[in-house]
Protein backbone atom coordinates (compact mmCIF):
# COMPACT_ATOMS: atom_id res chain seq x y z
CA MET A 1 -39.42 -40.36 -25.23
CA THR A 2 -40.12 -36.75 -25.68
CA SER A 3 -37.32 -34.23 -25.95
CA PRO A 4 -36.86 -31.53 -23.29
CA GLU A 5 -38.78 -28.43 -23.85
CA ASP A 6 -36.85 -25.62 -25.61
CA PRO A 7 -36.07 -22.83 -23.10
CA GLU A 8 -37.24 -20.06 -25.55
CA GLN A 9 -40.53 -21.91 -26.00
CA ARG A 10 -40.78 -22.31 -22.24
CA ILE A 11 -40.27 -18.58 -21.78
CA ALA A 12 -42.88 -17.71 -24.31
CA GLU A 13 -45.41 -20.11 -22.76
CA LEU A 14 -44.77 -18.51 -19.31
CA GLN A 15 -45.32 -15.04 -20.76
CA LYS A 16 -48.54 -16.33 -22.29
CA GLN A 17 -49.66 -17.70 -18.94
CA LEU A 18 -48.90 -14.36 -17.20
CA ALA A 19 -51.04 -12.54 -19.73
CA ASP A 20 -53.80 -14.95 -19.11
CA ALA A 21 -53.52 -14.47 -15.30
CA ARG A 22 -53.88 -10.70 -15.84
CA ARG A 23 -57.04 -11.23 -18.03
CA ILE A 24 -58.52 -13.47 -15.25
CA ALA A 25 -57.89 -10.80 -12.58
CA ASP A 26 -59.40 -8.10 -14.90
CA LEU A 27 -62.38 -10.30 -15.46
CA GLU A 28 -62.93 -10.99 -11.74
CA ARG A 29 -62.70 -7.17 -11.09
CA GLN A 30 -65.34 -6.54 -13.86
CA LEU A 31 -67.60 -9.45 -12.50
CA GLY A 32 -67.42 -7.81 -8.92
CA GLU A 33 -68.50 -4.43 -10.41
CA ALA A 34 -71.33 -5.93 -12.30
CA ARG A 35 -72.68 -7.80 -9.26
CA SER A 36 -72.48 -4.52 -7.25
CA GLN A 37 -74.67 -2.74 -9.88
CA GLN A 38 -76.90 -5.74 -10.52
CA GLN A 39 -80.61 -4.99 -10.96
CA PRO A 40 -83.29 -7.17 -9.33
CA GLY A 41 -84.29 -10.06 -11.58
CA ALA A 42 -80.94 -10.35 -13.15
CA ALA A 43 -79.09 -13.76 -13.19
CA THR A 44 -77.08 -14.24 -10.05
CA SER A 45 -75.92 -17.77 -10.05
CA ALA A 46 -72.24 -18.72 -10.76
CA ALA A 47 -73.65 -21.20 -13.24
CA ASP A 48 -75.19 -18.37 -15.32
CA VAL A 49 -71.88 -16.52 -15.29
CA PHE A 50 -69.97 -19.69 -16.29
CA ALA A 51 -72.31 -20.33 -19.08
CA ALA A 52 -72.00 -16.89 -20.52
CA LEU A 53 -68.36 -16.98 -20.32
CA LYS A 54 -68.35 -20.44 -22.11
CA ARG A 55 -70.64 -19.03 -24.88
CA PHE A 56 -68.37 -16.05 -25.39
CA GLN A 57 -65.29 -18.11 -25.63
CA SER A 58 -66.98 -20.52 -27.91
CA ASP A 59 -67.84 -17.62 -30.20
CA ARG A 60 -64.23 -16.79 -30.32
CA GLY A 61 -63.43 -20.36 -31.52
CA THR A 62 -60.90 -21.35 -28.85
CA GLY A 63 -62.88 -23.69 -26.64
CA PHE A 64 -63.50 -22.76 -23.00
CA GLY A 65 -61.36 -24.77 -20.60
CA ALA A 66 -58.93 -26.06 -23.16
CA GLY A 67 -55.14 -25.77 -22.65
CA MET A 68 -54.54 -23.24 -19.76
CA GLY A 69 -58.28 -22.47 -19.46
CA ARG A 70 -57.95 -19.03 -21.03
CA PHE A 71 -60.62 -16.52 -20.24
CA PRO A 72 -61.72 -14.02 -22.98
CA PRO A 73 -60.00 -10.62 -22.80
CA ALA A 74 -61.75 -7.57 -21.37
CA PRO A 75 -64.17 -5.84 -23.84
CA VAL A 76 -62.37 -3.40 -26.15
CA ASP A 77 -63.41 0.23 -26.07
CA THR A 78 -64.73 0.77 -29.62
CA ARG A 79 -65.56 4.43 -29.32
CA LEU A 80 -64.70 6.32 -32.37
CA ALA A 81 -66.22 9.33 -33.98
CA ASP A 82 -68.21 8.87 -37.38
CA ALA A 83 -65.95 8.62 -40.43
CA PRO A 84 -64.45 10.47 -42.04
CA ARG A 85 -62.43 11.72 -39.02
CA ARG A 86 -59.99 14.53 -38.98
CA ILE A 87 -56.31 13.51 -38.75
CA PRO A 88 -54.33 15.63 -36.26
CA ALA A 89 -51.51 17.64 -37.84
CA ARG A 90 -48.96 16.18 -35.50
CA PHE A 91 -49.77 12.69 -36.92
CA LEU A 92 -49.28 14.04 -40.41
CA LEU A 93 -45.94 15.55 -39.44
CA ALA A 94 -44.73 12.32 -37.99
CA GLU A 95 -45.48 10.54 -41.27
CA LEU A 96 -43.67 13.33 -43.20
CA LEU A 97 -40.50 13.13 -41.03
CA PRO A 98 -39.85 9.46 -40.52
CA PHE A 99 -36.63 8.30 -38.83
CA ARG A 100 -35.98 4.80 -39.92
CA TRP A 101 -32.65 2.93 -39.68
CA TRP A 102 -32.87 1.38 -42.89
CA TYR A 103 -33.31 4.73 -44.50
CA LEU A 104 -29.83 5.69 -43.23
CA VAL A 105 -28.52 2.29 -44.63
CA ALA A 106 -29.85 3.31 -48.04
CA PHE A 107 -27.88 6.69 -47.71
CA PHE A 108 -24.77 4.82 -46.88
CA ALA A 109 -25.20 2.34 -49.76
CA VAL A 110 -25.45 5.23 -52.20
CA ALA A 111 -22.60 7.33 -50.76
CA ILE A 112 -19.87 4.84 -49.79
CA PRO A 113 -19.65 1.68 -52.08
CA PRO A 114 -19.64 3.57 -55.34
CA ILE A 115 -17.23 6.15 -54.02
CA ALA A 116 -14.88 5.72 -56.91
CA LEU A 117 -17.69 6.71 -59.26
CA TRP A 118 -18.39 9.86 -57.34
CA ILE A 119 -14.68 10.75 -57.40
CA THR A 120 -14.40 10.47 -61.09
CA ASN A 121 -17.84 11.84 -61.84
CA PRO A 122 -18.95 14.10 -58.88
CA GLU A 123 -21.63 15.84 -60.87
CA TRP A 124 -23.65 12.61 -60.74
CA LEU A 125 -23.86 12.48 -56.88
CA ALA A 126 -26.52 15.16 -56.46
CA PRO A 127 -28.98 13.43 -58.86
CA ALA A 128 -28.27 10.05 -57.15
CA ALA A 129 -28.88 11.72 -53.70
CA VAL A 130 -32.25 13.15 -54.85
CA ALA A 131 -33.18 9.90 -56.48
CA VAL A 132 -32.63 7.84 -53.26
CA LEU A 133 -34.63 10.42 -51.21
CA ILE A 134 -37.46 10.09 -53.80
CA VAL A 135 -37.38 6.27 -53.33
CA ILE A 136 -37.50 6.55 -49.63
CA TYR A 137 -40.41 8.90 -49.60
CA GLY A 138 -42.20 6.95 -52.23
CA TYR A 139 -42.04 3.87 -49.94
CA GLN A 140 -42.95 5.96 -46.86
CA PHE A 141 -46.01 7.56 -48.48
CA TRP A 142 -47.00 4.17 -49.72
CA THR A 143 -47.08 2.68 -46.24
CA ALA A 144 -48.43 5.92 -44.74
CA ARG A 145 -51.39 5.86 -47.10
CA LYS A 146 -52.69 2.82 -45.21
CA ARG A 147 -52.24 4.29 -41.86
CA LEU A 148 -53.90 7.46 -42.74
CA ALA A 149 -56.83 5.63 -44.42
CA LEU A 150 -57.39 3.77 -41.11
CA LEU A 151 -57.28 6.98 -39.14
CA ARG A 152 -60.07 8.47 -41.27
CA TRP A 153 -62.15 5.49 -42.01
CA GLY A 154 -61.04 2.79 -39.66
CA ARG A 155 -63.30 0.93 -37.06
CA VAL A 156 -62.29 -1.38 -34.26
CA ALA A 157 -62.51 -4.96 -35.53
CA GLN A 158 -63.49 -8.02 -33.39
CA VAL A 159 -60.30 -10.18 -32.89
CA ILE A 160 -61.28 -13.80 -33.56
CA SER A 161 -57.91 -15.37 -32.78
CA GLY A 162 -54.15 -14.74 -32.51
CA ASP A 163 -52.09 -17.70 -33.37
CA ILE A 164 -48.22 -17.91 -33.36
CA ALA A 165 -47.17 -18.83 -36.87
CA SER A 166 -43.45 -19.08 -36.04
CA GLN A 167 -41.04 -18.20 -33.34
CA ALA A 168 -37.21 -17.90 -33.51
CA THR A 169 -35.17 -20.32 -31.32
CA TYR A 170 -31.52 -20.33 -30.30
CA TYR A 171 -30.54 -22.20 -33.37
CA SER A 172 -32.53 -20.28 -36.09
CA GLY A 173 -34.44 -17.04 -36.74
CA THR A 174 -33.90 -13.58 -35.25
CA THR A 175 -33.50 -12.96 -31.59
CA TRP A 176 -33.75 -9.47 -30.25
CA SER A 177 -31.44 -8.00 -27.60
CA ASN A 178 -32.33 -4.71 -25.95
CA VAL A 179 -34.41 -3.46 -28.91
CA TRP A 180 -37.39 -0.95 -28.63
CA LEU A 181 -40.17 -3.25 -29.85
CA PRO A 182 -43.85 -2.06 -29.51
CA GLN A 183 -46.58 -4.24 -28.06
CA ALA A 184 -50.24 -3.22 -27.77
CA HIS A 185 -52.57 -3.87 -24.83
CA GLY A 186 -56.00 -2.61 -26.02
CA TRP A 187 -55.36 0.96 -27.16
CA THR A 188 -52.25 1.37 -25.07
CA VAL A 189 -48.84 0.59 -26.75
CA THR A 190 -45.73 0.00 -24.67
CA ARG A 191 -42.32 0.76 -26.29
CA ASP A 192 -39.91 -0.67 -23.75
CA LEU A 193 -36.32 -2.29 -24.37
CA TRP A 194 -36.94 -5.89 -24.94
CA SER A 195 -35.01 -9.15 -25.41
CA GLY A 196 -36.29 -12.39 -26.72
CA PRO A 197 -37.16 -14.33 -29.76
CA SER A 198 -38.80 -12.68 -32.82
CA THR A 199 -42.35 -14.01 -33.20
CA LYS A 200 -44.69 -13.89 -36.19
CA THR A 201 -48.44 -13.88 -35.13
CA ARG A 202 -51.44 -14.38 -37.47
CA VAL A 203 -54.31 -12.36 -36.00
CA ARG A 204 -57.77 -13.10 -37.48
CA TYR A 205 -60.43 -10.38 -37.22
CA ALA A 206 -63.97 -9.71 -38.29
CA ILE A 207 -65.80 -6.58 -39.25
CA ASP A 208 -69.25 -6.36 -40.85
CA GLY A 209 -69.37 -9.96 -41.71
CA TYR A 210 -65.97 -9.94 -43.32
CA GLN A 211 -63.10 -12.03 -41.87
CA GLY A 212 -59.51 -11.09 -42.53
CA GLU A 213 -56.12 -11.86 -41.32
CA ILE A 214 -53.00 -9.82 -40.65
CA THR A 215 -49.46 -10.84 -39.72
CA LEU A 216 -47.52 -9.18 -36.90
CA ARG A 217 -43.84 -9.52 -36.41
CA GLY A 218 -41.61 -8.72 -33.38
CA ARG A 219 -43.10 -9.46 -30.09
CA ALA A 220 -46.13 -11.86 -29.70
CA TYR A 221 -49.48 -10.30 -30.14
CA ASP A 222 -51.37 -9.92 -26.78
CA ASP A 223 -54.74 -8.15 -27.00
CA GLY A 224 -54.02 -4.96 -29.00
CA VAL A 225 -56.82 -3.15 -30.90
CA ILE A 226 -57.08 -3.90 -34.57
CA LEU A 227 -58.35 -1.09 -36.87
CA ALA A 228 -59.91 -2.08 -40.12
CA ASP A 229 -61.04 0.11 -42.93
CA GLN A 230 -64.86 0.06 -43.23
CA ARG A 231 -64.65 0.72 -46.99
CA HIS A 232 -61.91 -1.96 -47.66
CA PRO A 233 -62.02 -4.30 -44.68
CA GLU A 234 -59.07 -6.25 -45.92
CA ARG A 235 -57.01 -3.12 -44.90
CA ALA A 236 -56.14 -3.61 -41.19
CA LEU A 237 -53.42 -2.73 -38.74
CA CYS A 238 -52.77 -3.18 -35.13
CA VAL A 239 -52.36 -0.04 -33.16
CA SER A 240 -48.81 -0.98 -32.52
CA SER A 241 -48.02 -0.42 -36.21
CA PHE A 242 -48.41 3.47 -35.61
CA ALA A 243 -45.42 5.40 -34.63
CA TYR A 244 -47.58 7.77 -32.52
CA ASP A 245 -49.86 6.91 -29.71
CA LEU A 246 -53.61 6.77 -30.54
CA ASP A 247 -56.11 8.26 -28.19
CA ARG A 248 -59.53 9.71 -28.48
CA ASP A 249 -61.44 12.48 -26.85
CA GLU A 250 -65.00 12.23 -25.48
CA SER A 251 -66.54 12.48 -29.03
CA GLY A 252 -64.15 9.72 -30.33
CA ASN A 253 -61.96 12.00 -32.44
CA TRP A 254 -58.14 11.47 -32.44
CA VAL A 255 -56.17 13.32 -29.80
CA GLY A 256 -53.04 11.23 -29.62
CA ARG A 257 -49.55 12.48 -28.61
CA LEU A 258 -46.11 12.19 -30.00
CA ARG A 259 -43.50 10.59 -27.61
CA THR A 260 -40.34 12.42 -26.82
CA ARG A 261 -38.19 9.76 -28.65
CA LEU A 262 -40.42 10.04 -31.80
CA MET A 263 -39.93 13.93 -31.88
CA VAL A 264 -36.16 13.52 -31.38
CA GLY A 265 -36.07 11.19 -34.27
CA MET A 266 -38.13 13.56 -36.45
CA ALA A 267 -35.71 16.49 -35.69
CA ALA A 268 -32.72 14.17 -36.40
CA TRP A 269 -34.31 13.25 -39.72
CA VAL A 270 -34.69 16.83 -40.79
CA LEU A 271 -30.97 17.51 -40.06
CA ILE A 272 -29.97 14.27 -41.93
CA VAL A 273 -31.79 15.17 -45.04
CA ILE A 274 -30.51 18.69 -45.17
CA GLY A 275 -27.05 17.44 -44.56
CA TRP A 276 -27.35 14.77 -47.11
CA LEU A 277 -28.56 17.22 -49.86
CA ALA A 278 -26.10 19.88 -48.94
CA VAL A 279 -23.12 17.56 -49.02
CA ALA A 280 -24.24 15.96 -52.32
CA ILE A 281 -24.93 19.28 -54.12
CA GLY A 282 -21.70 20.78 -52.63
CA ILE A 283 -19.65 17.84 -54.16
CA SER A 284 -21.51 18.01 -57.48
CA THR A 285 -20.97 21.77 -58.05
CA GLY A 286 -17.42 21.78 -56.51
CA GLU A 287 -18.32 24.08 -53.75
CA ALA A 288 -17.18 21.43 -51.23
CA SER A 289 -13.80 20.99 -52.81
CA GLN A 290 -13.25 24.74 -53.05
CA LEU A 291 -14.29 25.09 -49.33
CA LEU A 292 -11.88 22.27 -48.43
CA THR A 293 -9.04 23.93 -50.37
CA GLN A 294 -9.69 27.22 -48.65
CA ASP A 295 -9.57 25.55 -45.31
CA THR A 296 -6.20 24.01 -46.00
CA SER A 297 -4.67 27.05 -47.95
CA ILE A 298 -1.55 28.94 -46.86
CA ARG A 299 -1.89 32.52 -46.29
CA LEU A 300 1.23 34.63 -45.90
CA SER A 301 1.40 37.71 -43.69
CA PRO A 302 2.12 40.88 -45.62
CA GLY A 303 5.81 40.64 -46.87
CA GLY A 304 6.20 37.21 -45.06
CA THR A 305 8.01 34.13 -46.00
CA ALA A 306 6.82 30.43 -46.47
CA THR A 307 7.93 27.15 -47.77
CA VAL A 308 5.72 24.58 -49.44
CA ASN A 309 7.35 21.13 -49.39
CA ASP A 310 4.35 18.66 -49.34
CA ASN A 311 3.32 16.74 -52.28
CA GLY A 312 -0.26 17.21 -53.71
CA PRO A 313 -2.36 20.28 -54.61
CA GLN A 314 -1.60 23.45 -52.58
CA THR A 315 -3.18 26.90 -52.51
CA VAL A 316 -1.17 29.91 -51.34
CA TYR A 317 -2.28 33.46 -50.81
CA CYS A 318 1.01 35.28 -51.25
CA ASN A 319 0.26 38.87 -50.03
CA ASP A 320 3.54 40.35 -51.38
CA GLY A 321 5.51 37.79 -49.56
CA HIS A 322 8.39 35.43 -50.44
CA LEU A 323 7.64 31.79 -51.25
CA VAL A 324 9.83 28.81 -51.86
CA VAL A 325 8.34 25.76 -53.42
CA GLY A 326 10.16 22.35 -52.82
CA GLY A 327 9.15 18.74 -53.19
CA GLY A 328 8.07 17.24 -56.34
CA SER A 329 4.94 16.84 -58.61
CA ASN A 330 2.96 19.15 -56.23
CA PRO A 331 0.71 21.52 -58.31
CA VAL A 332 0.72 24.84 -56.46
CA THR A 333 -1.76 27.59 -57.15
CA ILE A 334 -0.62 31.02 -55.92
CA HIS A 335 -3.23 33.92 -55.60
CA GLY A 336 -2.12 37.49 -55.33
CA HIS A 337 1.25 39.03 -55.92
CA CYS A 338 4.56 37.60 -54.53
CA ALA A 339 7.73 39.58 -54.24
CA SER A 340 9.78 36.50 -54.96
CA LEU A 341 9.23 32.96 -55.91
CA ALA A 342 11.86 30.21 -55.85
CA LEU A 343 11.58 26.60 -56.90
CA SER A 344 14.05 23.93 -55.68
CA GLY A 345 12.15 20.64 -56.16
CA ILE A 346 11.72 18.22 -59.04
CA ASP A 347 8.91 18.47 -61.66
CA ALA A 348 7.00 21.00 -59.66
CA VAL A 349 4.08 22.76 -61.39
CA VAL A 350 3.25 26.34 -60.15
CA THR A 351 0.67 28.77 -61.39
CA ILE A 352 0.89 32.31 -60.01
CA ASP A 353 -0.96 35.57 -60.60
CA SER A 354 1.96 37.93 -60.47
CA VAL A 355 5.55 37.96 -59.14
CA ASP A 356 8.60 40.23 -59.29
CA THR A 357 11.39 37.54 -59.29
CA ILE A 358 11.30 33.87 -60.26
CA THR A 359 14.25 31.74 -59.36
CA LEU A 360 14.33 28.38 -60.92
CA ASN A 361 16.57 25.68 -59.30
CA GLY A 362 16.07 21.94 -59.21
CA ILE A 363 15.03 19.84 -62.24
CA GLY A 364 12.01 19.92 -64.59
CA ASN A 365 10.13 22.69 -62.79
CA HIS A 366 7.61 24.82 -64.62
CA VAL A 367 5.95 28.21 -63.67
CA THR A 368 3.09 29.75 -65.29
CA TYR A 369 2.40 33.49 -64.45
CA HIS A 370 -0.69 35.54 -65.49
CA SER A 371 0.59 39.08 -65.56
CA GLY A 372 3.63 41.24 -65.23
CA THR A 373 7.17 40.84 -66.41
CA PRO A 374 9.14 39.08 -63.67
CA ARG A 375 12.93 38.74 -63.49
CA ILE A 376 13.64 35.10 -64.14
CA VAL A 377 16.78 33.53 -62.63
CA THR A 378 17.54 30.08 -64.02
CA GLY A 379 20.08 27.81 -62.22
CA GLY A 380 18.65 24.37 -62.47
CA ILE A 381 18.08 21.89 -65.27
CA ASN A 382 15.25 21.79 -67.73
CA ASN A 383 13.22 24.57 -65.90
CA SER A 384 10.92 26.97 -67.48
CA ALA A 385 8.71 30.09 -66.77
CA ASP A 386 6.04 31.18 -69.18
CA ARG A 387 3.15 33.71 -69.19
CA ALA A 388 -0.32 32.28 -69.66
């Protein structure tokens, strides 16, 4: 007794049958056009057409009439200009500004998990940021080299077969949910939100007597164009592997376009890289901490009064004002001149440029001043004020 068919497999089979029906309709349309343009003396019987289709399918190695009775796909437009072909600048720019989610994951992995290292050794962050960017672009250029070579030297290969090597199920493998996955139909690549099982397809192709094989992952292969390098025919890709859309002018040269989502991703990548390097360099050089300190600093109005009570480093711009420092163990750096400075906390550490009067209350407080001869009033325990 056979087990019931897996729902995911049933969906994949129905999608396959739908693609077959589309091919049959297209073939019938082409057959009608051919008959309308038929010259006297040409074969007119249905048997001749059937025999021709059978020979074509046999050449593809799939057996006409087997399974669902698949007809061969419509002939592929192989029109390309003679190699080497010029690569449009927009394609080069798309390869230079790649937005990939795993690139962002690499940035995150360098910045967050070893954050304790960057806190204790901030000067190491900038070299690490540059290093991860070099690794990312090394990989990007390594993969782009193949795509650019196919643009310059590639030719349309004959697809021999496309067999599903594996497909995810409900119980194992990857299942996509509302993900932008490309799928090629001839030269046209659709990039719609798609949900379904991840499929690995082995596509066999032939070019100049050479037979090769590539593996496509994501959506099941349908009838996309396969480009193979005429110099190294083992190099081949489906047109769905290019981030940009490939098209040709009347002479066969590339005139493809960049989609809006791709251009938005390119712009986002520029901003991400600039921000990544700016933050890393700012932390390594101390500029970021200085900027943060300035943003949280206290600025007194001329002759004004302020009190600092919070623990932690504080920066104050005194401006001839009157400042009271409370709390404990709170390093305070005072810029400018103060009319008076009073300490009332415990173990406070204060550094000041210049001051007229220092009043020391509390316990274990210490003041260091850089200039002048302030009047010092001591009323607490174990307090001190010294000139640096």
